[in-house]
Amino acid sequence: MKAKAGDWLVVEGPETDHRGRRGLILSVRHEDGTPPYLVRWLDSEHEALVFPGPDAHVVAAEAG
């Protein structure tokens, strides 16, 4: 998984009726774009350092 600041981190919900979570990637700790990422979650505005799991994917900023 690779990302850059401004991309979106999307974590899918464990069940089909759960919306999952979306957050704005504020910064990337490694030059090659690998995790961890500093993310501001849209549902809570909470910022956290995130090590995404297999249920997560990155959406490029341009794709929105």
C-alpha atoms as a PDB file:
ATOM      1  CA  MET A   1       0.000   0.000   0.000  1.00  0.00           C
ATOM      2  CA  LYS A   2       1.321   3.412  -0.976  1.00  0.00           C
ATOM      3  CA  ALA A   3      -0.155   6.871  -0.422  1.00  0.00           C
ATOM      4  CA  LYS A   4       0.643  10.559  -0.270  1.00  0.00           C
ATOM      5  CA  ALA A   5      -0.727  13.431   1.772  1.00  0.00           C
ATOM      6  CA  GLY A   6      -4.146  14.381   0.434  1.00  0.00           C
ATOM      7  CA  ASP A   7      -5.155  10.836  -0.485  1.00  0.00           C
ATOM      8  CA  TRP A   8      -8.024   9.061   1.291  1.00  0.00           C
ATOM      9  CA  LEU A   9      -7.774   5.977   3.477  1.00  0.00           C
ATOM     10  CA  VAL A  10     -10.889   3.832   3.285  1.00  0.00           C
ATOM     11  CA  VAL A  11     -11.437   1.010   5.772  1.00  0.00           C
ATOM     12  CA  GLU A  12     -14.227  -1.331   4.768  1.00  0.00           C
ATOM     13  CA  GLY A  13     -16.728  -2.444   7.379  1.00  0.00           C
ATOM     14  CA  PRO A  14     -16.619  -6.071   8.572  1.00  0.00           C
ATOM     15  CA  GLU A  15     -20.241  -6.594   7.520  1.00  0.00           C
ATOM     16  CA  THR A  16     -22.189  -5.480   4.476  1.00  0.00           C
ATOM     17  CA  ASP A  17     -24.507  -3.257   6.540  1.00  0.00           C
ATOM     18  CA  HIS A  18     -21.594  -1.364   8.127  1.00  0.00           C
ATOM     19  CA  ARG A  19     -20.438   1.712   6.200  1.00  0.00           C
ATOM     20  CA  GLY A  20     -16.784   1.458   7.074  1.00  0.00           C
ATOM     21  CA  ARG A  21     -14.643   4.500   7.634  1.00  0.00           C
ATOM     22  CA  ARG A  22     -12.960   7.173   5.515  1.00  0.00           C
ATOM     23  CA  GLY A  23     -10.140   9.497   6.490  1.00  0.00           C
ATOM     24  CA  LEU A  24      -7.917  12.120   4.927  1.00  0.00           C
ATOM     25  CA  ILE A  25      -4.231  11.223   4.921  1.00  0.00           C
ATOM     26  CA  LEU A  26      -2.491  14.250   6.411  1.00  0.00           C
ATOM     27  CA  SER A  27       1.070  12.956   6.239  1.00  0.00           C
ATOM     28  CA  VAL A  28       3.107   9.926   5.268  1.00  0.00           C
ATOM     29  CA  ARG A  29       6.037   8.876   7.454  1.00  0.00           C
ATOM     30  CA  HIS A  30       8.116   7.157   4.748  1.00  0.00           C
ATOM     31  CA  GLU A  31       9.334   8.663   1.486  1.00  0.00           C
ATOM     32  CA  ASP A  32       8.167   5.592  -0.444  1.00  0.00           C
ATOM     33  CA  GLY A  33       4.541   6.153   0.665  1.00  0.00           C
ATOM     34  CA  THR A  34       4.240   3.093   2.877  1.00  0.00           C
ATOM     35  CA  PRO A  35       2.423   3.152   6.259  1.00  0.00           C
ATOM     36  CA  PRO A  36       2.000   4.411   8.868  1.00  0.00           C
ATOM     37  CA  TYR A  37      -0.141   7.395   7.922  1.00  0.00           C
ATOM     38  CA  LEU A  38      -1.394  10.316   9.964  1.00  0.00           C
ATOM     39  CA  VAL A  39      -5.138  10.290   9.236  1.00  0.00           C
ATOM     40  CA  ARG A  40      -8.014  12.631  10.147  1.00  0.00           C
ATOM     41  CA  TRP A  41     -11.183  10.516  10.275  1.00  0.00           C
ATOM     42  CA  LEU A  42     -14.217  12.187   8.713  1.00  0.00           C
ATOM     43  CA  ASP A  43     -16.716  10.705  11.159  1.00  0.00           C
ATOM     44  CA  SER A  44     -15.033  12.106  14.282  1.00  0.00           C
ATOM     45  CA  GLU A  45     -12.381  14.628  13.126  1.00  0.00           C
ATOM     46  CA  HIS A  46      -9.986  12.592  15.328  1.00  0.00           C
ATOM     47  CA  GLU A  47      -6.399  12.378  14.088  1.00  0.00           C
ATOM     48  CA  ALA A  48      -4.483   9.149  14.535  1.00  0.00           C
ATOM     49  CA  LEU A  49      -1.369   7.367  13.349  1.00  0.00           C
ATOM     50  CA  VAL A  50      -2.707   4.423  11.354  1.00  0.00           C
ATOM     51  CA  PHE A  51      -1.142   1.146  10.271  1.00  0.00           C
ATOM     52  CA  PRO A  52      -3.816  -0.013   7.772  1.00  0.00           C
ATOM     53  CA  GLY A  53      -4.911  -3.624   7.781  1.00  0.00           C
ATOM     54  CA  PRO A  54      -6.016  -5.855   4.913  1.00  0.00           C
ATOM     55  CA  ASP A  55      -9.511  -4.340   4.947  1.00  0.00           C
ATOM     56  CA  ALA A  56      -8.166  -0.902   3.963  1.00  0.00           C
ATOM     57  CA  HIS A  57      -7.304   0.723   0.664  1.00  0.00           C
ATOM     58  CA  VAL A  58      -6.106   4.117  -0.565  1.00  0.00           C
ATOM     59  CA  VAL A  59      -8.089   6.322  -2.928  1.00  0.00           C
ATOM     60  CA  ALA A  60      -5.994   8.909  -4.770  1.00  0.00           C
ATOM     61  CA  ALA A  61      -6.845  12.521  -4.018  1.00  0.00           C
ATOM     62  CA  GLU A  62      -7.696  13.076  -7.674  1.00  0.00           C
ATOM     63  CA  ALA A  63     -10.269  10.261  -7.592  1.00  0.00           C
ATOM     64  CA  GLY A  64     -11.900  11.699  -4.458  1.00  0.00           C
END
